[in-house]
PDB file of N, CA and C in Angstrom:
ATOM      1  N   MET A   1     -15.470 -24.579  -0.431  1.00  0.00           N
ATOM      2  CA  MET A   1     -14.916 -23.457   0.366  1.00  0.00           C
ATOM      3  C   MET A   1     -13.999 -24.047   1.529  1.00  0.00           C
ATOM      4  N   THR A   2     -14.411 -25.151   2.130  1.00  0.00           N
ATOM      5  CA  THR A   2     -13.589 -25.827   3.160  1.00  0.00           C
ATOM      6  C   THR A   2     -12.254 -26.145   2.764  1.00  0.00           C
ATOM      7  N   LYS A   3     -12.058 -26.748   1.533  1.00  0.00           N
ATOM      8  CA  LYS A   3     -10.720 -26.958   0.909  1.00  0.00           C
ATOM      9  C   LYS A   3      -9.979 -25.689   0.744  1.00  0.00           C
ATOM     10  N   ALA A   4     -10.536 -24.675   0.349  1.00  0.00           N
ATOM     11  CA  ALA A   4      -9.709 -23.341   0.274  1.00  0.00           C
ATOM     12  C   ALA A   4      -9.256 -22.996   1.554  1.00  0.00           C
ATOM     13  N   PHE A   5     -10.020 -23.017   2.711  1.00  0.00           N
ATOM     14  CA  PHE A   5      -9.621 -22.629   3.914  1.00  0.00           C
ATOM     15  C   PHE A   5      -8.421 -23.569   4.539  1.00  0.00           C
ATOM     16  N   ALA A   6      -8.521 -24.738   4.229  1.00  0.00           N
ATOM     17  CA  ALA A   6      -7.642 -25.868   4.632  1.00  0.00           C
ATOM     18  C   ALA A   6      -6.261 -25.478   3.869  1.00  0.00           C
ATOM     19  N   ALA A   7      -6.357 -25.144   2.678  1.00  0.00           N
ATOM     20  CA  ALA A   7      -5.136 -24.851   1.768  1.00  0.00           C
ATOM     21  C   ALA A   7      -4.478 -23.510   2.355  1.00  0.00           C
ATOM     22  N   LEU A   8      -5.262 -22.544   2.765  1.00  0.00           N
ATOM     23  CA  LEU A   8      -4.662 -21.355   3.309  1.00  0.00           C
ATOM     24  C   LEU A   8      -4.057 -21.526   4.652  1.00  0.00           C
ATOM     25  N   ASP A   9      -4.668 -22.512   5.435  1.00  0.00           N
ATOM     26  CA  ASP A   9      -4.010 -22.923   6.744  1.00  0.00           C
ATOM     27  C   ASP A   9      -2.688 -23.488   6.515  1.00  0.00           C
ATOM     28  N   LYS A  10      -2.595 -24.369   5.442  1.00  0.00           N
ATOM     29  CA  LYS A  10      -1.382 -25.067   5.077  1.00  0.00           C
ATOM     30  C   LYS A  10      -0.460 -24.008   4.683  1.00  0.00           C
ATOM     31  N   LEU A  11      -0.733 -23.035   3.922  1.00  0.00           N
ATOM     32  CA  LEU A  11       0.130 -22.054   3.389  1.00  0.00           C
ATOM     33  C   LEU A  11       0.658 -21.187   4.542  1.00  0.00           C
ATOM     34  N   GLU A  12      -0.266 -20.894   5.433  1.00  0.00           N
ATOM     35  CA  GLU A  12       0.145 -20.115   6.658  1.00  0.00           C
ATOM     36  C   GLU A  12       1.247 -20.845   7.509  1.00  0.00           C
ATOM     37  N   SER A  13       1.064 -22.111   7.692  1.00  0.00           N
ATOM     38  CA  SER A  13       1.965 -22.937   8.507  1.00  0.00           C
ATOM     39  C   SER A  13       3.270 -23.360   7.842  1.00  0.00           C
ATOM     40  N   GLN A  14       3.206 -23.515   6.499  1.00  0.00           N
ATOM     41  CA  GLN A  14       4.357 -24.006   5.807  1.00  0.00           C
ATOM     42  C   GLN A  14       5.112 -22.937   5.029  1.00  0.00           C
ATOM     43  N   GLY A  15       4.425 -21.752   4.845  1.00  0.00           N
ATOM     44  CA  GLY A  15       4.940 -20.683   4.026  1.00  0.00           C
ATOM     45  C   GLY A  15       5.657 -21.065   2.770  1.00  0.00           C
ATOM     46  N   ASN A  16       6.865 -20.613   2.571  1.00  0.00           N
ATOM     47  CA  ASN A  16       7.646 -20.782   1.273  1.00  0.00           C
ATOM     48  C   ASN A  16       8.069 -22.214   1.180  1.00  0.00           C
ATOM     49  N   GLN A  17       7.753 -23.095   2.060  1.00  0.00           N
ATOM     50  CA  GLN A  17       8.162 -24.558   2.018  1.00  0.00           C
ATOM     51  C   GLN A  17       7.058 -25.327   1.377  1.00  0.00           C
ATOM     52  N   LEU A  18       5.902 -24.824   1.087  1.00  0.00           N
ATOM     53  CA  LEU A  18       4.754 -25.362   0.543  1.00  0.00           C
ATOM     54  C   LEU A  18       4.949 -25.239  -1.035  1.00  0.00           C
ATOM     55  N   HIS A  19       5.192 -26.472  -1.648  1.00  0.00           N
ATOM     56  CA  HIS A  19       5.508 -26.601  -3.053  1.00  0.00           C
ATOM     57  C   HIS A  19       4.419 -27.188  -3.963  1.00  0.00           C
ATOM     58  N   TYR A  20       4.716 -27.384  -5.186  1.00  0.00           N
ATOM     59  CA  TYR A  20       3.869 -28.080  -6.146  1.00  0.00           C
ATOM     60  C   TYR A  20       3.566 -29.371  -5.592  1.00  0.00           C
ATOM     61  N   PRO A  21       2.346 -29.896  -5.623  1.00  0.00           N
ATOM     62  CA  PRO A  21       1.145 -29.499  -6.417  1.00  0.00           C
ATOM     63  C   PRO A  21       0.325 -28.394  -5.632  1.00  0.00           C
ATOM     64  N   HIS A  22       0.701 -28.033  -4.383  1.00  0.00           N
ATOM     65  CA  HIS A  22      -0.221 -27.125  -3.650  1.00  0.00           C
ATOM     66  C   HIS A  22      -0.032 -25.621  -4.089  1.00  0.00           C
ATOM     67  N   THR A  23       1.231 -25.268  -4.559  1.00  0.00           N
ATOM     68  CA  THR A  23       1.480 -24.059  -4.925  1.00  0.00           C
ATOM     69  C   THR A  23       2.229 -24.147  -6.273  1.00  0.00           C
ATOM     70  N   ASP A  24       2.178 -23.000  -7.067  1.00  0.00           N
ATOM     71  CA  ASP A  24       2.905 -22.924  -8.267  1.00  0.00           C
ATOM     72  C   ASP A  24       3.475 -21.442  -8.472  1.00  0.00           C
ATOM     73  N   ILE A  25       4.492 -21.220  -9.181  1.00  0.00           N
ATOM     74  CA  ILE A  25       5.009 -19.899  -9.493  1.00  0.00           C
ATOM     75  C   ILE A  25       4.224 -19.380 -10.801  1.00  0.00           C
ATOM     76  N   ILE A  26       3.566 -18.297 -10.714  1.00  0.00           N
ATOM     77  CA  ILE A  26       3.098 -17.650 -11.857  1.00  0.00           C
ATOM     78  C   ILE A  26       4.048 -16.724 -12.509  1.00  0.00           C
ATOM     79  N   GLN A  27       4.775 -15.853 -11.801  1.00  0.00           N
ATOM     80  CA  GLN A  27       5.850 -15.170 -12.252  1.00  0.00           C
ATOM     81  C   GLN A  27       6.649 -14.690 -11.166  1.00  0.00           C
ATOM     82  N   ASP A  28       7.777 -14.041 -11.358  1.00  0.00           N
ATOM     83  CA  ASP A  28       8.680 -13.573 -10.230  1.00  0.00           C
ATOM     84  C   ASP A  28       7.823 -12.867  -9.134  1.00  0.00           C
ATOM     85  N   GLY A  29       7.799 -13.492  -8.057  1.00  0.00           N
ATOM     86  CA  GLY A  29       7.198 -12.817  -6.882  1.00  0.00           C
ATOM     87  C   GLY A  29       5.605 -13.057  -6.648  1.00  0.00           C
ATOM     88  N   LEU A  30       5.053 -13.669  -7.669  1.00  0.00           N
ATOM     89  CA  LEU A  30       3.577 -13.952  -7.694  1.00  0.00           C
ATOM     90  C   LEU A  30       3.334 -15.461  -7.694  1.00  0.00           C
ATOM     91  N   PHE A  31       2.615 -16.013  -6.790  1.00  0.00           N
ATOM     92  CA  PHE A  31       2.382 -17.442  -6.786  1.00  0.00           C
ATOM     93  C   PHE A  31       0.943 -17.714  -6.682  1.00  0.00           C
ATOM     94  N   GLU A  32       0.664 -18.987  -6.971  1.00  0.00           N
ATOM     95  CA  GLU A  32      -0.865 -19.449  -6.845  1.00  0.00           C
ATOM     96  C   GLU A  32      -1.059 -20.517  -5.819  1.00  0.00           C
ATOM     97  N   LEU A  33      -1.888 -20.527  -5.194  1.00  0.00           N
ATOM     98  CA  LEU A  33      -2.410 -21.569  -4.220  1.00  0.00           C
ATOM     99  C   LEU A  33      -3.410 -22.411  -4.962  1.00  0.00           C
ATOM    100  N   ARG A  34      -3.248 -23.675  -5.139  1.00  0.00           N
ATOM    101  CA  ARG A  34      -4.160 -24.512  -5.953  1.00  0.00           C
ATOM    102  C   ARG A  34      -4.988 -25.341  -5.053  1.00  0.00           C
ATOM    103  N   THR A  35      -6.425 -25.424  -5.371  1.00  0.00           N
ATOM    104  CA  THR A  35      -7.292 -26.124  -4.570  1.00  0.00           C
ATOM    105  C   THR A  35      -8.323 -26.696  -5.460  1.00  0.00           C
ATOM    106  N   GLY A  36      -8.931 -27.901  -5.129  1.00  0.00           N
ATOM    107  CA  GLY A  36      -9.957 -28.538  -5.737  1.00  0.00           C
ATOM    108  C   GLY A  36      -9.619 -29.316  -6.944  1.00  0.00           C
ATOM    109  N   LYS A  37     -10.540 -30.196  -7.317  1.00  0.00           N
ATOM    110  CA  LYS A  37     -10.452 -31.009  -8.521  1.00  0.00           C
ATOM    111  C   LYS A  37     -11.708 -30.649  -9.436  1.00  0.00           C
ATOM    112  N   LYS A  38     -12.964 -30.461  -8.865  1.00  0.00           N
ATOM    113  CA  LYS A  38     -14.005 -30.158  -9.616  1.00  0.00           C
ATOM    114  C   LYS A  38     -14.222 -28.646  -9.731  1.00  0.00           C
ATOM    115  N   ASN A  39     -14.414 -28.016  -8.549  1.00  0.00           N
ATOM    116  CA  ASN A  39     -14.559 -26.503  -8.548  1.00  0.00           C
ATOM    117  C   ASN A  39     -13.027 -26.010  -8.120  1.00  0.00           C
ATOM    118  N   ILE A  40     -12.277 -25.826  -9.226  1.00  0.00           N
ATOM    119  CA  ILE A  40     -10.983 -25.567  -9.047  1.00  0.00           C
ATOM    120  C   ILE A  40     -10.819 -24.077  -8.706  1.00  0.00           C
ATOM    121  N   THR A  41     -10.195 -23.830  -7.448  1.00  0.00           N
ATOM    122  CA  THR A  41      -9.966 -22.421  -7.034  1.00  0.00           C
ATOM    123  C   THR A  41      -8.566 -22.165  -7.086  1.00  0.00           C
ATOM    124  N   ARG A  42      -8.237 -20.930  -7.451  1.00  0.00           N
ATOM    125  CA  ARG A  42      -6.902 -20.322  -7.442  1.00  0.00           C
ATOM    126  C   ARG A  42      -6.804 -19.143  -6.643  1.00  0.00           C
ATOM    127  N   THR A  43      -5.800 -19.108  -5.764  1.00  0.00           N
ATOM    128  CA  THR A  43      -5.578 -17.867  -4.971  1.00  0.00           C
ATOM    129  C   THR A  43      -4.205 -17.329  -5.252  1.00  0.00           C
ATOM    130  N   PHE A  44      -4.145 -16.231  -5.766  1.00  0.00           N
ATOM    131  CA  PHE A  44      -2.807 -15.580  -5.999  1.00  0.00           C
ATOM    132  C   PHE A  44      -2.305 -14.922  -4.725  1.00  0.00           C
ATOM    133  N   PHE A  45      -1.019 -15.154  -4.352  1.00  0.00           N
ATOM    134  CA  PHE A  45      -0.427 -14.601  -3.167  1.00  0.00           C
ATOM    135  C   PHE A  45       1.004 -14.242  -3.488  1.00  0.00           C
ATOM    136  N   ALA A  46       1.538 -13.473  -2.523  1.00  0.00           N
ATOM    137  CA  ALA A  46       2.949 -12.998  -2.554  1.00  0.00           C
ATOM    138  C   ALA A  46       3.543 -13.054  -1.190  1.00  0.00           C
ATOM    139  N   PHE A  47       4.788 -13.312  -1.033  1.00  0.00           N
ATOM    140  CA  PHE A  47       5.393 -13.382   0.347  1.00  0.00           C
ATOM    141  C   PHE A  47       5.937 -11.883   0.544  1.00  0.00           C
ATOM    142  N   ALA A  48       5.740 -11.362   1.712  1.00  0.00           N
ATOM    143  CA  ALA A  48       6.197 -10.066   2.124  1.00  0.00           C
ATOM    144  C   ALA A  48       7.410 -10.184   3.095  1.00  0.00           C
ATOM    145  N   LYS A  49       7.965  -9.083   3.609  1.00  0.00           N
ATOM    146  CA  LYS A  49       9.002  -9.246   4.698  1.00  0.00           C
ATOM    147  C   LYS A  49       8.415  -9.895   5.870  1.00  0.00           C
ATOM    148  N   GLY A  50       9.352 -10.503   6.531  1.00  0.00           N
ATOM    149  CA  GLY A  50       8.864 -11.165   7.879  1.00  0.00           C
ATOM    150  C   GLY A  50       8.223 -12.361   7.339  1.00  0.00           C
ATOM    151  N   LYS A  51       7.104 -12.729   8.015  1.00  0.00           N
ATOM    152  CA  LYS A  51       6.366 -14.030   7.784  1.00  0.00           C
ATOM    153  C   LYS A  51       4.960 -13.634   7.117  1.00  0.00           C
ATOM    154  N   LYS A  52       4.871 -12.479   6.567  1.00  0.00           N
ATOM    155  CA  LYS A  52       3.695 -11.900   5.983  1.00  0.00           C
ATOM    156  C   LYS A  52       3.398 -12.693   4.659  1.00  0.00           C
ATOM    157  N   ILE A  53       2.149 -12.958   4.380  1.00  0.00           N
ATOM    158  CA  ILE A  53       1.798 -13.366   2.980  1.00  0.00           C
ATOM    159  C   ILE A  53       0.600 -12.478   2.531  1.00  0.00           C
ATOM    160  N   TYR A  54       0.746 -11.893   1.443  1.00  0.00           N
ATOM    161  CA  TYR A  54      -0.395 -11.076   0.875  1.00  0.00           C
ATOM    162  C   TYR A  54      -1.285 -11.969   0.045  1.00  0.00           C
ATOM    163  N   ILE A  55      -2.606 -12.069   0.419  1.00  0.00           N
ATOM    164  CA  ILE A  55      -3.582 -12.705  -0.435  1.00  0.00           C
ATOM    165  C   ILE A  55      -4.090 -11.703  -1.399  1.00  0.00           C
ATOM    166  N   LEU A  56      -3.853 -11.887  -2.662  1.00  0.00           N
ATOM    167  CA  LEU A  56      -4.166 -10.912  -3.620  1.00  0.00           C
ATOM    168  C   LEU A  56      -5.453 -11.017  -4.366  1.00  0.00           C
ATOM    169  N   HIS A  57      -5.749 -12.206  -4.690  1.00  0.00           N
ATOM    170  CA  HIS A  57      -6.975 -12.400  -5.572  1.00  0.00           C
ATOM    171  C   HIS A  57      -7.304 -13.962  -5.648  1.00  0.00           C
ATOM    172  N   THR A  58      -8.629 -14.323  -5.541  1.00  0.00           N
ATOM    173  CA  THR A  58      -9.028 -15.607  -5.550  1.00  0.00           C
ATOM    174  C   THR A  58     -10.111 -15.732  -6.582  1.00  0.00           C
ATOM    175  N   PHE A  59     -10.126 -16.813  -7.385  1.00  0.00           N
ATOM    176  CA  PHE A  59     -11.159 -16.942  -8.312  1.00  0.00           C
ATOM    177  C   PHE A  59     -11.325 -18.537  -8.636  1.00  0.00           C
ATOM    178  N   VAL A  60     -12.507 -18.773  -9.282  1.00  0.00           N
ATOM    179  CA  VAL A  60     -12.796 -20.219  -9.721  1.00  0.00           C
ATOM    180  C   VAL A  60     -12.345 -20.335 -11.045  1.00  0.00           C
ATOM    181  N   LYS A  61     -11.377 -21.210 -11.308  1.00  0.00           N
ATOM    182  CA  LYS A  61     -10.772 -21.391 -12.624  1.00  0.00           C
ATOM    183  C   LYS A  61     -11.648 -22.369 -13.439  1.00  0.00           C
ATOM    184  N   LYS A  62     -12.032 -21.860 -14.675  1.00  0.00           N
ATOM    185  CA  LYS A  62     -13.010 -22.516 -15.475  1.00  0.00           C
ATOM    186  C   LYS A  62     -12.387 -23.127 -16.767  1.00  0.00           C
ATOM    187  N   THR A  63     -11.199 -22.617 -17.018  1.00  0.00           N
ATOM    188  CA  THR A  63     -10.527 -23.025 -18.315  1.00  0.00           C
ATOM    189  C   THR A  63      -9.112 -23.555 -17.871  1.00  0.00           C
ATOM    190  N   ALA A  64      -8.473 -24.387 -18.879  1.00  0.00           N
ATOM    191  CA  ALA A  64      -7.174 -25.110 -18.606  1.00  0.00           C
ATOM    192  C   ALA A  64      -6.121 -23.951 -18.350  1.00  0.00           C
ATOM    193  N   LYS A  65      -6.169 -22.823 -19.068  1.00  0.00           N
ATOM    194  CA  LYS A  65      -5.242 -21.776 -18.908  1.00  0.00           C
ATOM    195  C   LYS A  65      -5.681 -20.680 -18.003  1.00  0.00           C
ATOM    196  N   THR A  66      -4.879 -20.183 -17.076  1.00  0.00           N
ATOM    197  CA  THR A  66      -5.280 -19.139 -16.265  1.00  0.00           C
ATOM    198  C   THR A  66      -5.501 -17.910 -17.018  1.00  0.00           C
ATOM    199  N   PRO A  67      -6.688 -17.319 -17.034  1.00  0.00           N
ATOM    200  CA  PRO A  67      -6.951 -16.035 -17.793  1.00  0.00           C
ATOM    201  C   PRO A  67      -5.959 -14.938 -17.287  1.00  0.00           C
ATOM    202  N   SER A  68      -5.445 -14.283 -18.354  1.00  0.00           N
ATOM    203  CA  SER A  68      -4.487 -13.212 -18.192  1.00  0.00           C
ATOM    204  C   SER A  68      -5.062 -12.075 -17.336  1.00  0.00           C
ATOM    205  N   ALA A  69      -6.275 -11.789 -17.454  1.00  0.00           N
ATOM    206  CA  ALA A  69      -7.019 -10.782 -16.684  1.00  0.00           C
ATOM    207  C   ALA A  69      -6.943 -11.008 -15.177  1.00  0.00           C
ATOM    208  N   GLU A  70      -6.969 -12.390 -14.803  1.00  0.00           N
ATOM    209  CA  GLU A  70      -6.966 -12.675 -13.461  1.00  0.00           C
ATOM    210  C   GLU A  70      -5.464 -12.396 -12.915  1.00  0.00           C
ATOM    211  N   ILE A  71      -4.454 -12.722 -13.646  1.00  0.00           N
ATOM    212  CA  ILE A  71      -3.176 -12.503 -13.271  1.00  0.00           C
ATOM    213  C   ILE A  71      -2.869 -11.049 -13.289  1.00  0.00           C
ATOM    214  N   GLN A  72      -3.365 -10.319 -14.275  1.00  0.00           N
ATOM    215  CA  GLN A  72      -3.111  -8.791 -14.158  1.00  0.00           C
ATOM    216  C   GLN A  72      -3.760  -8.142 -12.952  1.00  0.00           C
ATOM    217  N   LEU A  73      -4.916  -8.551 -12.546  1.00  0.00           N
ATOM    218  CA  LEU A  73      -5.518  -8.083 -11.276  1.00  0.00           C
ATOM    219  C   LEU A  73      -4.629  -8.234 -10.150  1.00  0.00           C
ATOM    220  N   ALA A  74      -4.117  -9.375  -9.972  1.00  0.00           N
ATOM    221  CA  ALA A  74      -3.241  -9.840  -8.797  1.00  0.00           C
ATOM    222  C   ALA A  74      -2.050  -9.025  -8.866  1.00  0.00           C
ATOM    223  N   LEU A  75      -1.442  -8.822 -10.031  1.00  0.00           N
ATOM    224  CA  LEU A  75      -0.133  -8.047 -10.210  1.00  0.00           C
ATOM    225  C   LEU A  75      -0.428  -6.546  -9.901  1.00  0.00           C
ATOM    226  N   LYS A  76      -1.591  -6.138 -10.271  1.00  0.00           N
ATOM    227  CA  LYS A  76      -1.945  -4.603  -9.966  1.00  0.00           C
ATOM    228  C   LYS A  76      -2.021  -4.457  -8.401  1.00  0.00           C
ATOM    229  N   ARG A  77      -2.708  -5.503  -7.858  1.00  0.00           N
ATOM    230  CA  ARG A  77      -2.816  -5.402  -6.273  1.00  0.00           C
ATOM    231  C   ARG A  77      -1.465  -5.534  -5.647  1.00  0.00           C
ATOM    232  N   LEU A  78      -0.601  -6.362  -6.089  1.00  0.00           N
ATOM    233  CA  LEU A  78       0.704  -6.501  -5.498  1.00  0.00           C
ATOM    234  C   LEU A  78       1.473  -5.146  -5.796  1.00  0.00           C
ATOM    235  N   GLU A  79       1.394  -4.656  -6.892  1.00  0.00           N
ATOM    236  CA  GLU A  79       2.071  -3.301  -7.212  1.00  0.00           C
ATOM    237  C   GLU A  79       1.632  -2.203  -6.117  1.00  0.00           C
ATOM    238  N   GLU A  80       0.260  -2.248  -5.960  1.00  0.00           N
ATOM    239  CA  GLU A  80      -0.326  -1.160  -4.983  1.00  0.00           C
ATOM    240  C   GLU A  80       0.226  -1.400  -3.613  1.00  0.00           C
ATOM    241  N   LEU A  81       0.240  -2.777  -3.209  1.00  0.00           N
ATOM    242  CA  LEU A  81       0.797  -3.024  -1.813  1.00  0.00           C
ATOM    243  C   LEU A  81       2.262  -2.651  -1.729  1.00  0.00           C
ATOM    244  N   THR A  82       3.021  -2.921  -2.757  1.00  0.00           N
ATOM    245  CA  THR A  82       4.546  -2.621  -2.812  1.00  0.00           C
ATOM    246  C   THR A  82       4.695  -1.129  -2.688  1.00  0.00           C
ATOM    247  N   TYR A  83       3.898  -0.413  -3.416  1.00  0.00           N
ATOM    248  CA  TYR A  83       4.006   1.059  -3.460  1.00  0.00           C
ATOM    249  C   TYR A  83       3.713   1.642  -2.155  1.00  0.00           C
ATOM    250  N   GLU A  84       2.611   1.075  -1.411  1.00  0.00           N
ATOM    251  CA  GLU A  84       2.326   1.616  -0.128  1.00  0.00           C
ATOM    252  C   GLU A  84       3.262   1.377   1.005  1.00  0.00           C
ATOM    253  N   SER A  85       4.061   0.235   0.756  1.00  0.00           N
ATOM    254  CA  SER A  85       4.978  -0.117   1.872  1.00  0.00           C
ATOM    255  C   SER A  85       6.217   0.776   1.856  1.00  0.00           C
TER     256      SER A  85
END
């Protein structure tokens, strides 16, 4: 859990200048924050206007490929936030 918080701090301070291997693009507007080697944690996020970052979903990755259900949940939350704005 400590590594996840450290990664979030790094994301907060570096924003869109934080690149692979710390972050990766999932699809247009949706990114993942990558943490851990054994207990691999992925946090989906998106950048908003100004210096805001929306944290959409975090999960422990147990397979090589990111499950599509996890991506769909993050996309749904992003759509809800976009709709509300």
